[in-house]
Amino acid sequence: MPSTKPSAGAPAVARAAQLLQVLAKAPGKEWSLTDIASELEAAKSSTLTVCVALEEAGLIERRGSGYLLGREILNLAGAYLSGFDQVRAFYDLCARDEVLSGLVVQIAMLDRADVLYLARHEGQAPYRMAAGIGSRFPASSTAVGHALLSKMEDDTIMRLYEQYPHFELHTAYSVRDIQELLSKVQLTRTRGYSVDREGVHPGLVGVAVPLDPWNSADAELTLGAAINAPEATQERIEEVGQSLQRLAQKLTNPLSFQTAVSLGKST
């Protein structure tokens, strides 16, 4: 639920922003005035005043028994997205994240059976062994590779590795065959993030999550972070995995197909 504490400078503006957040929680739902006022912990009379102003601006509209987000929301979102740089935002968000700011964090994409690293937040970690921008490593033995492959069907992965049957071994922990790889990919799907325990770099544990491309025609991406192996407790891995999931959410285009469809119901 959004904060109901009004702004000291502009309480009406703050209440309007909170009201939009309420409607955004369930796109397509018709929110009655009573329900909105209850969510905001505000009087129905003052809530109605805000609804009227937002309706006049096209930001919400009345439909059936209640209110929905209006089409003007899409225009504002489009204006925001036209100036959004996913990679620049990646660096800014990593620097501000309490968990990730001190780690090496990377963006990577799949190129045949390899992963190609596209961006790297340096952090303050006392190592520089993790892959740099432009580096390539086998997808089979990297956390970012497992995260990327987790978006594919098993049959597709098997067909890919029929073309590249040689499994490159970097350490004693590198993945050695297709069955071991499929097992790690399945675990990634179940858990929501992948874990590579020293599969490429001795002493480093990788954690990664899929990152949806900004545009549907772009390549699939992934976010990965490196942890020193002695510090890679299960609790620490889960903490980093959850932080990466939150980062991926912030870097995902909010006007994805599903979001656009939901908003479009109000038109």
C-alpha atoms as a PDB file:
ATOM      1  CA  MET A   1       0.000   0.000   0.000  1.00  0.00           C
ATOM      2  CA  PRO A   2       1.373   3.474  -0.828  1.00  0.00           C
ATOM      3  CA  SER A   3       2.300   5.830   1.956  1.00  0.00           C
ATOM      4  CA  THR A   4      -0.666   7.905   3.127  1.00  0.00           C
ATOM      5  CA  LYS A   5       1.437  10.629   4.717  1.00  0.00           C
ATOM      6  CA  PRO A   6       0.650  13.794   2.755  1.00  0.00           C
ATOM      7  CA  SER A   7       3.422  16.036   1.481  1.00  0.00           C
ATOM      8  CA  ALA A   8       3.949  19.154   3.565  1.00  0.00           C
ATOM      9  CA  GLY A   9       4.319  21.227   0.395  1.00  0.00           C
ATOM     10  CA  ALA A  10       1.600  19.806  -1.860  1.00  0.00           C
ATOM     11  CA  PRO A  11      -0.718  17.314  -0.111  1.00  0.00           C
ATOM     12  CA  ALA A  12      -3.165  17.223  -3.027  1.00  0.00           C
ATOM     13  CA  VAL A  13      -0.400  16.267  -5.480  1.00  0.00           C
ATOM     14  CA  ALA A  14       0.877  13.607  -3.085  1.00  0.00           C
ATOM     15  CA  ARG A  15      -2.643  12.202  -2.707  1.00  0.00           C
ATOM     16  CA  ALA A  16      -3.069  12.099  -6.487  1.00  0.00           C
ATOM     17  CA  ALA A  17       0.192  10.181  -6.867  1.00  0.00           C
ATOM     18  CA  GLN A  18      -0.893   7.719  -4.165  1.00  0.00           C
ATOM     19  CA  LEU A  19      -4.263   7.248  -5.874  1.00  0.00           C
ATOM     20  CA  LEU A  20      -2.569   6.362  -9.179  1.00  0.00           C
ATOM     21  CA  GLN A  21      -0.393   3.849  -7.335  1.00  0.00           C
ATOM     22  CA  VAL A  22      -3.518   2.230  -5.885  1.00  0.00           C
ATOM     23  CA  LEU A  23      -5.111   1.818  -9.336  1.00  0.00           C
ATOM     24  CA  ALA A  24      -1.828   0.478 -10.737  1.00  0.00           C
ATOM     25  CA  LYS A  25      -1.826  -2.385  -8.226  1.00  0.00           C
ATOM     26  CA  ALA A  26      -4.569  -4.161 -10.186  1.00  0.00           C
ATOM     27  CA  PRO A  27      -4.729  -2.926 -13.801  1.00  0.00           C
ATOM     28  CA  GLY A  28      -8.161  -3.585 -15.274  1.00  0.00           C
ATOM     29  CA  LYS A  29      -9.919  -3.667 -11.897  1.00  0.00           C
ATOM     30  CA  GLU A  30     -12.703  -1.145 -11.418  1.00  0.00           C
ATOM     31  CA  TRP A  31     -11.958   0.569  -8.102  1.00  0.00           C
ATOM     32  CA  SER A  32     -14.958   2.076  -6.346  1.00  0.00           C
ATOM     33  CA  LEU A  33     -14.627   5.435  -4.626  1.00  0.00           C
ATOM     34  CA  THR A  34     -15.136   3.674  -1.280  1.00  0.00           C
ATOM     35  CA  ASP A  35     -12.325   1.196  -1.991  1.00  0.00           C
ATOM     36  CA  ILE A  36      -9.924   3.937  -3.080  1.00  0.00           C
ATOM     37  CA  ALA A  37     -10.676   6.074  -0.030  1.00  0.00           C
ATOM     38  CA  SER A  38     -10.148   3.042   2.195  1.00  0.00           C
ATOM     39  CA  GLU A  39      -6.784   2.264   0.585  1.00  0.00           C
ATOM     40  CA  LEU A  40      -5.689   5.881   1.023  1.00  0.00           C
ATOM     41  CA  GLU A  41      -7.166   6.121   4.524  1.00  0.00           C
ATOM     42  CA  ALA A  42      -8.811   9.349   3.394  1.00  0.00           C
ATOM     43  CA  ALA A  43     -12.311  10.811   3.399  1.00  0.00           C
ATOM     44  CA  LYS A  44     -14.520   9.976   0.414  1.00  0.00           C
ATOM     45  CA  SER A  45     -15.181  13.675  -0.222  1.00  0.00           C
ATOM     46  CA  SER A  46     -11.493  14.578  -0.581  1.00  0.00           C
ATOM     47  CA  THR A  47     -10.851  11.391  -2.568  1.00  0.00           C
ATOM     48  CA  LEU A  48     -13.631  12.322  -4.997  1.00  0.00           C
ATOM     49  CA  THR A  49     -12.044  15.757  -5.523  1.00  0.00           C
ATOM     50  CA  VAL A  50      -8.754  14.109  -6.518  1.00  0.00           C
ATOM     51  CA  CYS A  51     -10.548  11.608  -8.788  1.00  0.00           C
ATOM     52  CA  VAL A  52     -12.326  14.413 -10.625  1.00  0.00           C
ATOM     53  CA  ALA A  53      -9.044  16.260 -11.235  1.00  0.00           C
ATOM     54  CA  LEU A  54      -7.282  13.100 -12.486  1.00  0.00           C
ATOM     55  CA  GLU A  55     -10.235  12.198 -14.696  1.00  0.00           C
ATOM     56  CA  GLU A  56     -10.192  15.643 -16.297  1.00  0.00           C
ATOM     57  CA  ALA A  57      -6.462  15.151 -17.035  1.00  0.00           C
ATOM     58  CA  GLY A  58      -7.130  11.751 -18.632  1.00  0.00           C
ATOM     59  CA  LEU A  59      -4.983   9.938 -16.091  1.00  0.00           C
ATOM     60  CA  ILE A  60      -7.943   7.922 -14.806  1.00  0.00           C
ATOM     61  CA  GLU A  61     -11.413   7.262 -16.186  1.00  0.00           C
ATOM     62  CA  ARG A  62     -14.709   6.146 -14.798  1.00  0.00           C
ATOM     63  CA  ARG A  63     -15.881   2.742 -16.039  1.00  0.00           C
ATOM     64  CA  GLY A  64     -18.866   0.772 -14.782  1.00  0.00           C
ATOM     65  CA  SER A  65     -18.861   0.834 -11.001  1.00  0.00           C
ATOM     66  CA  GLY A  66     -15.499   2.452 -10.477  1.00  0.00           C
ATOM     67  CA  TYR A  67     -12.272   3.966 -11.755  1.00  0.00           C
ATOM     68  CA  LEU A  68      -9.435   2.644 -13.965  1.00  0.00           C
ATOM     69  CA  LEU A  69      -6.133   4.046 -15.165  1.00  0.00           C
ATOM     70  CA  GLY A  70      -6.621   6.271 -18.199  1.00  0.00           C
ATOM     71  CA  ARG A  71      -4.983   6.294 -21.601  1.00  0.00           C
ATOM     72  CA  GLU A  72      -2.930   9.399 -20.817  1.00  0.00           C
ATOM     73  CA  ILE A  73      -0.801   7.179 -18.560  1.00  0.00           C
ATOM     74  CA  LEU A  74       0.576   5.524 -21.722  1.00  0.00           C
ATOM     75  CA  ASN A  75       1.552   8.880 -23.201  1.00  0.00           C
ATOM     76  CA  LEU A  76       3.431   9.863 -20.054  1.00  0.00           C
ATOM     77  CA  ALA A  77       5.106   6.449 -19.867  1.00  0.00           C
ATOM     78  CA  GLY A  78       6.135   6.693 -23.508  1.00  0.00           C
ATOM     79  CA  ALA A  79       7.720  10.093 -22.906  1.00  0.00           C
ATOM     80  CA  TYR A  80       9.677   8.672 -19.973  1.00  0.00           C
ATOM     81  CA  LEU A  81      10.802   5.578 -21.872  1.00  0.00           C
ATOM     82  CA  SER A  82      12.011   7.570 -24.866  1.00  0.00           C
ATOM     83  CA  GLY A  83      14.733   9.007 -22.650  1.00  0.00           C
ATOM     84  CA  PHE A  84      15.517   5.818 -20.711  1.00  0.00           C
ATOM     85  CA  ASP A  85      18.933   4.206 -21.215  1.00  0.00           C
ATOM     86  CA  GLN A  86      18.916   0.655 -19.831  1.00  0.00           C
ATOM     87  CA  VAL A  87      22.715   0.372 -19.489  1.00  0.00           C
ATOM     88  CA  ARG A  88      23.114   3.812 -17.916  1.00  0.00           C
ATOM     89  CA  ALA A  89      20.335   2.961 -15.467  1.00  0.00           C
ATOM     90  CA  PHE A  90      22.145  -0.327 -14.696  1.00  0.00           C
ATOM     91  CA  TYR A  91      25.240   1.557 -13.515  1.00  0.00           C
ATOM     92  CA  ASP A  92      23.220   4.076 -11.507  1.00  0.00           C
ATOM     93  CA  LEU A  93      21.072   1.438  -9.801  1.00  0.00           C
ATOM     94  CA  CYS A  94      24.049  -0.795  -8.962  1.00  0.00           C
ATOM     95  CA  ALA A  95      25.873   2.125  -7.364  1.00  0.00           C
ATOM     96  CA  ARG A  96      22.866   2.867  -5.145  1.00  0.00           C
ATOM     97  CA  ASP A  97      22.017  -0.718  -4.204  1.00  0.00           C
ATOM     98  CA  GLU A  98      23.019  -1.643  -0.657  1.00  0.00           C
ATOM     99  CA  VAL A  99      23.825  -5.266  -1.566  1.00  0.00           C
ATOM    100  CA  LEU A 100      25.200  -4.928  -5.108  1.00  0.00           C
ATOM    101  CA  SER A 101      27.179  -1.684  -4.874  1.00  0.00           C
ATOM    102  CA  GLY A 102      30.265  -3.436  -3.506  1.00  0.00           C
ATOM    103  CA  LEU A 103      30.185  -6.373  -5.938  1.00  0.00           C
ATOM    104  CA  VAL A 104      31.217  -6.853  -9.549  1.00  0.00           C
ATOM    105  CA  VAL A 105      27.897  -6.921 -11.428  1.00  0.00           C
ATOM    106  CA  GLN A 106      27.585  -7.587 -15.167  1.00  0.00           C
ATOM    107  CA  ILE A 107      25.167  -7.646 -18.075  1.00  0.00           C
ATOM    108  CA  ALA A 108      25.690 -10.468 -20.580  1.00  0.00           C
ATOM    109  CA  MET A 109      24.036 -11.947 -23.655  1.00  0.00           C
ATOM    110  CA  LEU A 110      24.129 -15.360 -25.327  1.00  0.00           C
ATOM    111  CA  ASP A 111      26.209 -15.747 -28.501  1.00  0.00           C
ATOM    112  CA  ARG A 112      25.903 -19.315 -29.788  1.00  0.00           C
ATOM    113  CA  ALA A 113      27.166 -21.453 -26.859  1.00  0.00           C
ATOM    114  CA  ASP A 114      29.105 -18.589 -25.248  1.00  0.00           C
ATOM    115  CA  VAL A 115      28.159 -15.626 -23.113  1.00  0.00           C
ATOM    116  CA  LEU A 116      29.364 -12.188 -24.148  1.00  0.00           C
ATOM    117  CA  TYR A 117      29.740  -9.545 -21.430  1.00  0.00           C
ATOM    118  CA  LEU A 118      28.316  -6.124 -22.339  1.00  0.00           C
ATOM    119  CA  ALA A 119      28.540  -4.006 -19.158  1.00  0.00           C
ATOM    120  CA  ARG A 120      30.326  -4.212 -15.817  1.00  0.00           C
ATOM    121  CA  HIS A 121      29.821  -2.392 -12.517  1.00  0.00           C
ATOM    122  CA  GLU A 122      33.175  -2.586 -10.736  1.00  0.00           C
ATOM    123  CA  GLY A 123      32.008  -2.348  -7.125  1.00  0.00           C
ATOM    124  CA  GLN A 124      34.583  -2.444  -4.354  1.00  0.00           C
ATOM    125  CA  ALA A 125      35.378  -6.158  -4.396  1.00  0.00           C
ATOM    126  CA  PRO A 126      39.059  -7.024  -3.828  1.00  0.00           C
ATOM    127  CA  TYR A 127      39.332  -9.061  -7.039  1.00  0.00           C
ATOM    128  CA  ARG A 128      39.419  -8.383 -10.748  1.00  0.00           C
ATOM    129  CA  MET A 129      39.216 -11.943 -12.054  1.00  0.00           C
ATOM    130  CA  ALA A 130      35.571 -11.739 -13.113  1.00  0.00           C
ATOM    131  CA  ALA A 131      34.889 -11.269 -16.814  1.00  0.00           C
ATOM    132  CA  GLY A 132      35.345  -7.799 -18.294  1.00  0.00           C
ATOM    133  CA  ILE A 133      33.377  -6.068 -21.047  1.00  0.00           C
ATOM    134  CA  GLY A 134      33.826  -7.981 -24.310  1.00  0.00           C
ATOM    135  CA  SER A 135      34.956 -11.192 -22.580  1.00  0.00           C
ATOM    136  CA  ARG A 136      33.549 -14.542 -23.657  1.00  0.00           C
ATOM    137  CA  PHE A 137      33.090 -17.666 -21.588  1.00  0.00           C
ATOM    138  CA  PRO A 138      31.132 -20.900 -22.083  1.00  0.00           C
ATOM    139  CA  ALA A 139      27.474 -20.524 -21.169  1.00  0.00           C
ATOM    140  CA  SER A 140      27.535 -24.074 -19.801  1.00  0.00           C
ATOM    141  CA  SER A 141      29.719 -23.202 -16.800  1.00  0.00           C
ATOM    142  CA  THR A 142      28.654 -19.649 -15.937  1.00  0.00           C
ATOM    143  CA  ALA A 143      25.769 -18.391 -13.831  1.00  0.00           C
ATOM    144  CA  VAL A 144      24.879 -15.833 -16.513  1.00  0.00           C
ATOM    145  CA  GLY A 145      24.832 -18.644 -19.079  1.00  0.00           C
ATOM    146  CA  HIS A 146      22.505 -20.788 -16.983  1.00  0.00           C
ATOM    147  CA  ALA A 147      20.179 -17.797 -16.478  1.00  0.00           C
ATOM    148  CA  LEU A 148      20.061 -17.165 -20.234  1.00  0.00           C
ATOM    149  CA  LEU A 149      19.489 -20.828 -21.078  1.00  0.00           C
ATOM    150  CA  SER A 150      16.700 -21.028 -18.486  1.00  0.00           C
ATOM    151  CA  LYS A 151      14.514 -18.938 -20.830  1.00  0.00           C
ATOM    152  CA  MET A 152      14.760 -21.705 -23.478  1.00  0.00           C
ATOM    153  CA  GLU A 153      12.969 -25.041 -23.719  1.00  0.00           C
ATOM    154  CA  ASP A 154      15.132 -28.091 -22.967  1.00  0.00           C
ATOM    155  CA  ASP A 155      14.761 -29.298 -26.566  1.00  0.00           C
ATOM    156  CA  THR A 156      16.125 -25.992 -27.838  1.00  0.00           C
ATOM    157  CA  ILE A 157      19.108 -26.228 -25.487  1.00  0.00           C
ATOM    158  CA  MET A 158      19.825 -29.777 -26.663  1.00  0.00           C
ATOM    159  CA  ARG A 159      19.720 -28.719 -30.304  1.00  0.00           C
ATOM    160  CA  LEU A 160      22.114 -25.864 -29.547  1.00  0.00           C
ATOM    161  CA  TYR A 161      24.626 -28.204 -27.925  1.00  0.00           C
ATOM    162  CA  GLU A 162      24.368 -30.682 -30.754  1.00  0.00           C
ATOM    163  CA  GLN A 163      26.108 -27.944 -32.754  1.00  0.00           C
ATOM    164  CA  TYR A 164      28.639 -27.270 -29.973  1.00  0.00           C
ATOM    165  CA  PRO A 165      29.151 -30.668 -28.301  1.00  0.00           C
ATOM    166  CA  HIS A 166      32.547 -29.815 -26.776  1.00  0.00           C
ATOM    167  CA  PHE A 167      32.179 -28.639 -23.159  1.00  0.00           C
ATOM    168  CA  GLU A 168      35.042 -26.313 -22.350  1.00  0.00           C
ATOM    169  CA  LEU A 169      36.504 -27.087 -18.924  1.00  0.00           C
ATOM    170  CA  HIS A 170      38.087 -24.233 -16.966  1.00  0.00           C
ATOM    171  CA  THR A 171      38.096 -25.733 -13.476  1.00  0.00           C
ATOM    172  CA  ALA A 172      37.256 -29.000 -11.763  1.00  0.00           C
ATOM    173  CA  TYR A 173      33.751 -27.578 -11.219  1.00  0.00           C
ATOM    174  CA  SER A 174      32.972 -26.808 -14.875  1.00  0.00           C
ATOM    175  CA  VAL A 175      29.870 -28.473 -16.351  1.00  0.00           C
ATOM    176  CA  ARG A 176      30.930 -31.558 -18.322  1.00  0.00           C
ATOM    177  CA  ASP A 177      27.877 -32.731 -20.294  1.00  0.00           C
ATOM    178  CA  ILE A 178      24.391 -31.824 -21.452  1.00  0.00           C
ATOM    179  CA  GLN A 179      22.584 -33.673 -18.677  1.00  0.00           C
ATOM    180  CA  GLU A 180      24.486 -31.824 -15.965  1.00  0.00           C
ATOM    181  CA  LEU A 181      23.753 -28.559 -17.773  1.00  0.00           C
ATOM    182  CA  LEU A 182      20.023 -29.283 -18.072  1.00  0.00           C
ATOM    183  CA  SER A 183      19.921 -30.099 -14.363  1.00  0.00           C
ATOM    184  CA  LYS A 184      21.466 -26.705 -13.493  1.00  0.00           C
ATOM    185  CA  VAL A 185      19.116 -24.896 -15.861  1.00  0.00           C
ATOM    186  CA  GLN A 186      16.087 -26.583 -14.306  1.00  0.00           C
ATOM    187  CA  LEU A 187      17.281 -25.595 -10.845  1.00  0.00           C
ATOM    188  CA  THR A 188      17.618 -22.023 -12.089  1.00  0.00           C
ATOM    189  CA  ARG A 189      14.013 -22.017 -13.300  1.00  0.00           C
ATOM    190  CA  THR A 190      12.790 -23.376  -9.972  1.00  0.00           C
ATOM    191  CA  ARG A 191      14.864 -21.043  -7.799  1.00  0.00           C
ATOM    192  CA  GLY A 192      14.562 -17.898  -9.911  1.00  0.00           C
ATOM    193  CA  TYR A 193      18.321 -17.325 -10.100  1.00  0.00           C
ATOM    194  CA  SER A 194      21.349 -19.382 -11.119  1.00  0.00           C
ATOM    195  CA  VAL A 195      24.474 -20.217  -9.139  1.00  0.00           C
ATOM    196  CA  ASP A 196      27.895 -21.087 -10.568  1.00  0.00           C
ATOM    197  CA  ARG A 197      30.328 -22.339  -7.926  1.00  0.00           C
ATOM    198  CA  GLU A 198      33.808 -21.720  -9.375  1.00  0.00           C
ATOM    199  CA  GLY A 199      32.852 -23.143 -12.777  1.00  0.00           C
ATOM    200  CA  VAL A 200      35.112 -20.703 -14.631  1.00  0.00           C
ATOM    201  CA  HIS A 201      37.012 -18.622 -12.074  1.00  0.00           C
ATOM    202  CA  PRO A 202      38.548 -20.421  -9.074  1.00  0.00           C
ATOM    203  CA  GLY A 203      37.532 -18.698  -5.862  1.00  0.00           C
ATOM    204  CA  LEU A 204      34.475 -16.964  -7.334  1.00  0.00           C
ATOM    205  CA  VAL A 205      30.803 -17.883  -7.066  1.00  0.00           C
ATOM    206  CA  GLY A 206      28.478 -16.380  -9.661  1.00  0.00           C
ATOM    207  CA  VAL A 207      24.797 -15.568  -9.176  1.00  0.00           C
ATOM    208  CA  ALA A 208      22.598 -14.456 -12.087  1.00  0.00           C
ATOM    209  CA  VAL A 209      19.016 -13.725 -13.150  1.00  0.00           C
ATOM    210  CA  PRO A 210      17.413 -13.258 -16.583  1.00  0.00           C
ATOM    211  CA  LEU A 211      16.866  -9.671 -17.740  1.00  0.00           C
ATOM    212  CA  ASP A 212      14.132  -9.138 -20.316  1.00  0.00           C
ATOM    213  CA  PRO A 213      15.300  -7.062 -23.299  1.00  0.00           C
ATOM    214  CA  TRP A 214      14.012  -3.495 -23.479  1.00  0.00           C
ATOM    215  CA  ASN A 215      12.496  -4.096 -26.920  1.00  0.00           C
ATOM    216  CA  SER A 216      10.980  -7.385 -28.070  1.00  0.00           C
ATOM    217  CA  ALA A 217      13.364  -7.582 -31.042  1.00  0.00           C
ATOM    218  CA  ASP A 218      16.489  -7.264 -28.875  1.00  0.00           C
ATOM    219  CA  ALA A 219      18.621 -10.148 -27.606  1.00  0.00           C
ATOM    220  CA  GLU A 220      17.856 -11.784 -24.263  1.00  0.00           C
ATOM    221  CA  LEU A 221      20.077 -10.489 -21.478  1.00  0.00           C
ATOM    222  CA  THR A 222      21.109 -11.512 -17.979  1.00  0.00           C
ATOM    223  CA  LEU A 223      22.406  -9.836 -14.819  1.00  0.00           C
ATOM    224  CA  GLY A 224      25.179 -11.560 -12.877  1.00  0.00           C
ATOM    225  CA  ALA A 225      27.180 -10.830  -9.745  1.00  0.00           C
ATOM    226  CA  ALA A 226      30.391 -12.383  -8.390  1.00  0.00           C
ATOM    227  CA  ILE A 227      30.990 -13.319  -4.749  1.00  0.00           C
ATOM    228  CA  ASN A 228      34.244 -14.474  -3.154  1.00  0.00           C
ATOM    229  CA  ALA A 229      33.817 -18.211  -2.519  1.00  0.00           C
ATOM    230  CA  PRO A 230      34.597 -18.027   1.254  1.00  0.00           C
ATOM    231  CA  GLU A 231      31.777 -15.475   1.639  1.00  0.00           C
ATOM    232  CA  ALA A 232      29.270 -17.406  -0.497  1.00  0.00           C
ATOM    233  CA  THR A 233      27.054 -18.818   2.235  1.00  0.00           C
ATOM    234  CA  GLN A 234      23.549 -19.866   1.242  1.00  0.00           C
ATOM    235  CA  GLU A 235      22.201 -16.792   3.009  1.00  0.00           C
ATOM    236  CA  ARG A 236      24.570 -14.494   1.095  1.00  0.00           C
ATOM    237  CA  ILE A 237      23.752 -16.158  -2.243  1.00  0.00           C
ATOM    238  CA  GLU A 238      20.017 -15.737  -1.609  1.00  0.00           C
ATOM    239  CA  GLU A 239      20.534 -12.090  -0.641  1.00  0.00           C
ATOM    240  CA  VAL A 240      22.435 -11.375  -3.867  1.00  0.00           C
ATOM    241  CA  GLY A 241      19.945 -13.373  -5.948  1.00  0.00           C
ATOM    242  CA  GLN A 242      17.005 -11.407  -4.566  1.00  0.00           C
ATOM    243  CA  SER A 243      18.826  -8.101  -5.106  1.00  0.00           C
ATOM    244  CA  LEU A 244      19.494  -9.052  -8.728  1.00  0.00           C
ATOM    245  CA  GLN A 245      15.820  -9.932  -9.181  1.00  0.00           C
ATOM    246  CA  ARG A 246      14.830  -6.491  -7.885  1.00  0.00           C
ATOM    247  CA  LEU A 247      17.390  -4.855 -10.173  1.00  0.00           C
ATOM    248  CA  ALA A 248      16.029  -6.791 -13.164  1.00  0.00           C
ATOM    249  CA  GLN A 249      12.528  -5.570 -12.331  1.00  0.00           C
ATOM    250  CA  LYS A 250      13.702  -1.963 -12.321  1.00  0.00           C
ATOM    251  CA  LEU A 251      15.453  -2.433 -15.674  1.00  0.00           C
ATOM    252  CA  THR A 252      12.527  -4.171 -17.372  1.00  0.00           C
ATOM    253  CA  ASN A 253      10.424  -2.135 -19.786  1.00  0.00           C
ATOM    254  CA  PRO A 254       7.179  -1.360 -17.924  1.00  0.00           C
ATOM    255  CA  LEU A 255       5.415  -1.138 -21.291  1.00  0.00           C
ATOM    256  CA  SER A 256       5.915  -4.806 -22.025  1.00  0.00           C
ATOM    257  CA  PHE A 257       3.140  -6.533 -23.979  1.00  0.00           C
ATOM    258  CA  GLN A 258       1.272  -7.649 -20.861  1.00  0.00           C
ATOM    259  CA  THR A 259       1.437  -4.221 -19.220  1.00  0.00           C
ATOM    260  CA  ALA A 260       0.292  -2.492 -22.400  1.00  0.00           C
ATOM    261  CA  VAL A 261      -2.646  -4.884 -22.715  1.00  0.00           C
ATOM    262  CA  SER A 262      -3.681  -4.251 -19.107  1.00  0.00           C
ATOM    263  CA  LEU A 263      -3.549  -0.480 -19.536  1.00  0.00           C
ATOM    264  CA  GLY A 264      -5.311  -0.738 -22.865  1.00  0.00           C
ATOM    265  CA  LYS A 265      -8.373  -2.190 -21.150  1.00  0.00           C
ATOM    266  CA  SER A 266      -9.122   1.284 -19.834  1.00  0.00           C
ATOM    267  CA  THR A 267      -9.423   2.788 -23.323  1.00  0.00           C
END
